[in-house]
Amino acid sequence: PALRFSRKPGIGRLDLDLESAVQFGESRATGAVADTTDLDHLAHRHTLESGYTFDLPWQPRLAFQYEWASGDETAGDGDNNRFDTLFGVRRPGHGPTGIWGGFAHINVNSPGYRITAKPRKDVQFMWSHRWYLLASDTDAWVPQGVRDATGNSGRFIGHQLETRIRWEAIPGNLKFETGGAHLFAGDFLRRAPNSNGQQDSTYGYFQAEVSF
């Protein structure tokens, strides 16, 4: 079950997007064929975005963002508390494109803020800054498979800066987009037993979209 409250952005007013979901039933710890053990599944996810669009040139909007998605508390206890994204999108709001894929709606505690503006009618600009922590320090940073089951490596994965520019060269037919993200590594990435010790990561891209 899930519940959502939403108020669309508008010039000179506060907007809101609040969503909560709960999962319960049975699930497996992994997707391996040999894993046939059913676990009691109870997980939850909550997201909030609230912003304000200023009545100024470029229509700047400043928004606060927050997400909590539960992780598994104790391995081997017969319970699974890790939120499952099921058939979630590959571009989940935590990075530029699906290729980056650093974060997902799984075992994450992430506050942040976002700034958007329209320098021209056909140009959009976005800047985002988010902090990433594990919701459960004994569960994995799932997209990358990094884990410390003891919890001794802490929760702080790092913080990420992201920027994006979109230009509708031919409205309705041709759109160009460029952007990137930089992840400043936190203590968890430096300390986790199976981390490769990599520090900061940077990703950039350019794409064109043609619509008929």
Protein backbone atom coordinates (compact mmCIF):
# COMPACT_ATOMS: atom_id res chain seq x y z
CA PRO A 1 0.00 0.00 0.00
CA ALA A 2 1.07 3.58 -0.73
CA LEU A 3 -0.21 7.10 -0.18
CA ARG A 4 0.71 10.31 -2.00
CA PHE A 5 -0.05 14.00 -1.57
CA SER A 6 0.93 16.38 -4.35
CA ARG A 7 0.64 20.06 -5.23
CA LYS A 8 2.17 21.10 -8.54
CA PRO A 9 4.75 23.92 -8.74
CA GLY A 10 3.41 27.36 -9.56
CA ILE A 11 4.88 30.84 -9.64
CA GLY A 12 4.74 32.52 -6.25
CA ARG A 13 3.51 29.52 -4.28
CA LEU A 14 4.73 26.54 -2.27
CA ASP A 15 4.54 23.10 -3.86
CA LEU A 16 4.64 19.66 -2.26
CA ASP A 17 5.13 16.03 -3.21
CA LEU A 18 4.90 13.56 -0.32
CA GLU A 19 4.75 9.80 -0.76
CA SER A 20 4.91 6.81 1.60
CA ALA A 21 4.82 3.10 0.81
CA VAL A 22 4.87 -0.07 2.92
CA GLN A 23 5.72 -3.59 1.75
CA PHE A 24 4.85 -6.81 3.55
CA GLY A 25 4.67 -10.48 2.70
CA GLU A 26 7.46 -12.91 1.81
CA SER A 27 10.64 -12.47 -0.23
CA ARG A 28 14.05 -14.01 -0.86
CA ALA A 29 17.34 -12.56 0.33
CA THR A 30 18.81 -12.73 -3.18
CA GLY A 31 17.77 -13.42 -6.76
CA ALA A 32 19.96 -16.52 -7.01
CA VAL A 33 18.27 -19.65 -8.37
CA ALA A 34 19.60 -21.68 -5.43
CA ASP A 35 18.10 -19.25 -2.89
CA THR A 36 14.76 -20.88 -2.03
CA THR A 37 14.33 -19.65 1.55
CA ASP A 38 11.28 -17.46 2.14
CA LEU A 39 11.83 -14.54 4.52
CA ASP A 40 9.23 -12.43 6.30
CA HIS A 41 9.24 -9.15 4.42
CA LEU A 42 8.42 -5.81 6.04
CA ALA A 43 9.91 -2.64 4.53
CA HIS A 44 8.97 0.99 3.92
CA ARG A 45 9.94 4.05 1.89
CA HIS A 46 9.11 7.74 2.35
CA THR A 47 9.94 10.68 0.07
CA LEU A 48 9.38 14.41 0.37
CA GLU A 49 9.99 17.29 -1.99
CA SER A 50 8.79 20.78 -1.19
CA GLY A 51 9.76 23.86 -3.15
CA TYR A 52 8.94 27.46 -3.95
CA THR A 53 8.99 29.12 -7.38
CA PHE A 54 9.93 32.79 -7.16
CA ASP A 55 8.15 35.41 -9.28
CA LEU A 56 11.42 36.62 -10.80
CA PRO A 57 13.16 36.47 -14.17
CA TRP A 58 14.22 32.88 -15.00
CA GLN A 59 11.48 31.62 -12.58
CA PRO A 60 13.97 30.13 -10.08
CA ARG A 61 12.67 27.31 -7.88
CA LEU A 62 14.34 26.20 -4.65
CA ALA A 63 13.31 22.80 -3.32
CA PHE A 64 14.15 20.66 -0.29
CA GLN A 65 14.29 16.90 -0.87
CA TYR A 66 14.38 13.95 1.48
CA GLU A 67 14.13 10.19 1.07
CA TRP A 68 14.21 7.27 3.48
CA ALA A 69 14.08 3.68 2.18
CA SER A 70 14.61 0.93 4.72
CA GLY A 71 17.43 -1.60 4.69
CA ASP A 72 17.75 -5.03 6.28
CA GLU A 73 18.51 -4.75 9.99
CA THR A 74 20.09 -8.14 10.81
CA ALA A 75 21.37 -10.74 8.36
CA GLY A 76 20.22 -14.31 8.95
CA ASP A 77 17.34 -13.50 11.31
CA GLY A 78 14.64 -14.77 8.95
CA ASP A 79 13.37 -11.24 8.22
CA ASN A 80 13.93 -9.00 5.20
CA ASN A 81 13.56 -5.27 5.87
CA ARG A 82 15.16 -4.08 2.62
CA PHE A 83 12.78 -2.03 0.46
CA ASP A 84 12.32 -3.60 -2.97
CA THR A 85 12.00 -1.22 -5.95
CA LEU A 86 10.25 -3.96 -7.96
CA PHE A 87 10.00 -2.50 -11.47
CA GLY A 88 11.30 0.98 -10.63
CA VAL A 89 12.69 3.36 -13.25
CA ARG A 90 16.41 3.41 -14.04
CA ARG A 91 16.58 7.18 -13.57
CA PRO A 92 15.20 7.42 -10.05
CA GLY A 93 16.01 11.03 -9.15
CA HIS A 94 19.42 10.22 -7.65
CA GLY A 95 21.58 10.90 -10.68
CA PRO A 96 21.74 12.09 -14.28
CA THR A 97 21.02 8.86 -16.21
CA GLY A 98 20.52 5.14 -15.73
CA ILE A 99 24.14 4.55 -16.75
CA TRP A 100 25.37 6.35 -13.60
CA GLY A 101 23.14 4.25 -11.34
CA GLY A 102 24.95 5.06 -8.12
CA PHE A 103 21.86 5.16 -5.94
CA ALA A 104 18.44 3.58 -5.78
CA HIS A 105 15.37 3.61 -3.51
CA ILE A 106 16.96 0.93 -1.30
CA ASN A 107 18.59 1.30 2.15
CA VAL A 108 19.08 5.02 1.77
CA ASN A 109 18.74 8.08 3.99
CA SER A 110 19.17 11.14 1.77
CA PRO A 111 18.46 14.84 2.42
CA GLY A 112 19.26 17.44 -0.21
CA TYR A 113 18.20 20.51 -2.14
CA ARG A 114 17.60 21.38 -5.79
CA ILE A 115 17.64 24.65 -7.74
CA THR A 116 16.00 24.99 -11.16
CA ALA A 117 15.69 27.95 -13.51
CA LYS A 118 14.60 28.85 -17.06
CA PRO A 119 17.03 31.38 -18.59
CA ARG A 120 14.93 31.15 -21.76
CA LYS A 121 11.63 29.56 -22.68
CA ASP A 122 13.44 26.69 -24.41
CA VAL A 123 16.30 26.27 -21.90
CA GLN A 124 16.15 24.67 -18.43
CA PHE A 125 18.90 24.55 -15.82
CA MET A 126 19.16 22.35 -12.71
CA TRP A 127 21.61 22.14 -9.81
CA SER A 128 21.31 19.55 -7.04
CA HIS A 129 23.22 18.67 -3.87
CA ARG A 130 22.39 15.55 -1.84
CA TRP A 131 23.89 13.69 1.12
CA TYR A 132 23.73 9.89 1.14
CA LEU A 133 23.72 7.69 4.21
CA LEU A 134 22.72 4.08 4.78
CA ALA A 135 19.37 3.68 6.49
CA SER A 136 20.78 0.48 8.04
CA ASP A 137 24.53 0.43 8.62
CA THR A 138 24.57 -3.39 8.61
CA ASP A 139 22.97 -3.67 5.15
CA ALA A 140 24.60 -3.01 1.78
CA TRP A 141 24.91 -0.02 -0.47
CA VAL A 142 22.88 -2.18 -2.81
CA PRO A 143 23.58 -0.80 -6.32
CA GLN A 144 27.33 -1.27 -5.75
CA GLY A 145 27.22 -4.33 -3.47
CA VAL A 146 29.44 -2.74 -0.80
CA ARG A 147 28.62 -3.93 2.73
CA ASP A 148 29.88 -4.13 6.28
CA ALA A 149 27.59 -6.57 8.13
CA THR A 150 29.08 -5.42 11.46
CA GLY A 151 28.09 -1.80 10.94
CA ASN A 152 31.56 -0.65 11.99
CA SER A 153 32.18 1.26 8.74
CA GLY A 154 29.50 3.82 9.54
CA ARG A 155 26.61 5.08 7.43
CA PHE A 156 27.98 7.99 5.40
CA ILE A 157 28.41 7.01 1.73
CA GLY A 158 29.16 10.56 0.58
CA HIS A 159 27.52 13.59 -0.96
CA GLN A 160 26.77 14.26 -4.60
CA LEU A 161 26.66 17.40 -6.74
CA GLU A 162 24.67 17.21 -9.97
CA THR A 163 23.96 19.67 -12.76
CA ARG A 164 21.94 19.53 -15.99
CA ILE A 165 21.07 21.80 -18.91
CA ARG A 166 18.27 21.05 -21.39
CA TRP A 167 17.66 22.88 -24.67
CA GLU A 168 14.59 22.33 -26.84
CA ALA A 169 16.20 23.15 -30.18
CA ILE A 170 12.99 22.29 -32.05
CA PRO A 171 10.11 22.22 -29.55
CA GLY A 172 8.36 18.88 -29.64
CA ASN A 173 10.91 17.32 -31.99
CA LEU A 174 14.54 17.84 -30.97
CA LYS A 175 16.00 18.19 -27.48
CA PHE A 176 19.62 18.34 -26.33
CA GLU A 177 20.76 17.65 -22.79
CA THR A 178 24.11 17.71 -21.03
CA GLY A 179 25.10 17.36 -17.40
CA GLY A 180 27.08 15.43 -14.87
CA ALA A 181 27.54 14.35 -11.28
CA HIS A 182 30.41 14.20 -8.82
CA LEU A 183 30.32 11.93 -5.76
CA PHE A 184 32.53 12.94 -2.84
CA ALA A 185 33.30 9.65 -1.09
CA GLY A 186 32.43 9.32 2.60
CA ASP A 187 33.76 7.18 5.44
CA PHE A 188 31.72 4.11 4.47
CA LEU A 189 33.41 3.86 1.07
CA ARG A 190 36.84 4.14 2.65
CA ARG A 191 36.25 1.63 5.47
CA ALA A 192 33.88 -1.10 4.20
CA PRO A 193 35.68 -4.48 3.92
CA ASN A 194 34.74 -5.16 0.29
CA SER A 195 35.14 -1.59 -0.96
CA ASN A 196 37.74 -1.19 -3.69
CA GLY A 197 39.07 1.91 -1.93
CA GLN A 198 38.07 4.21 -4.77
CA GLN A 199 37.64 7.79 -3.69
CA ASP A 200 35.57 10.39 -5.57
CA SER A 201 33.72 9.52 -8.78
CA THR A 202 32.79 11.80 -11.67
CA TYR A 203 30.31 11.21 -14.49
CA GLY A 204 29.38 13.42 -17.46
CA TYR A 205 27.13 12.94 -20.45
CA PHE A 206 25.63 14.52 -23.56
CA GLN A 207 22.50 13.26 -25.27
CA ALA A 208 20.03 14.17 -28.00
CA GLU A 209 16.37 13.16 -28.12
CA VAL A 210 14.42 13.10 -31.37
CA SER A 211 10.63 12.82 -31.26
CA PHE A 212 8.33 12.11 -34.23
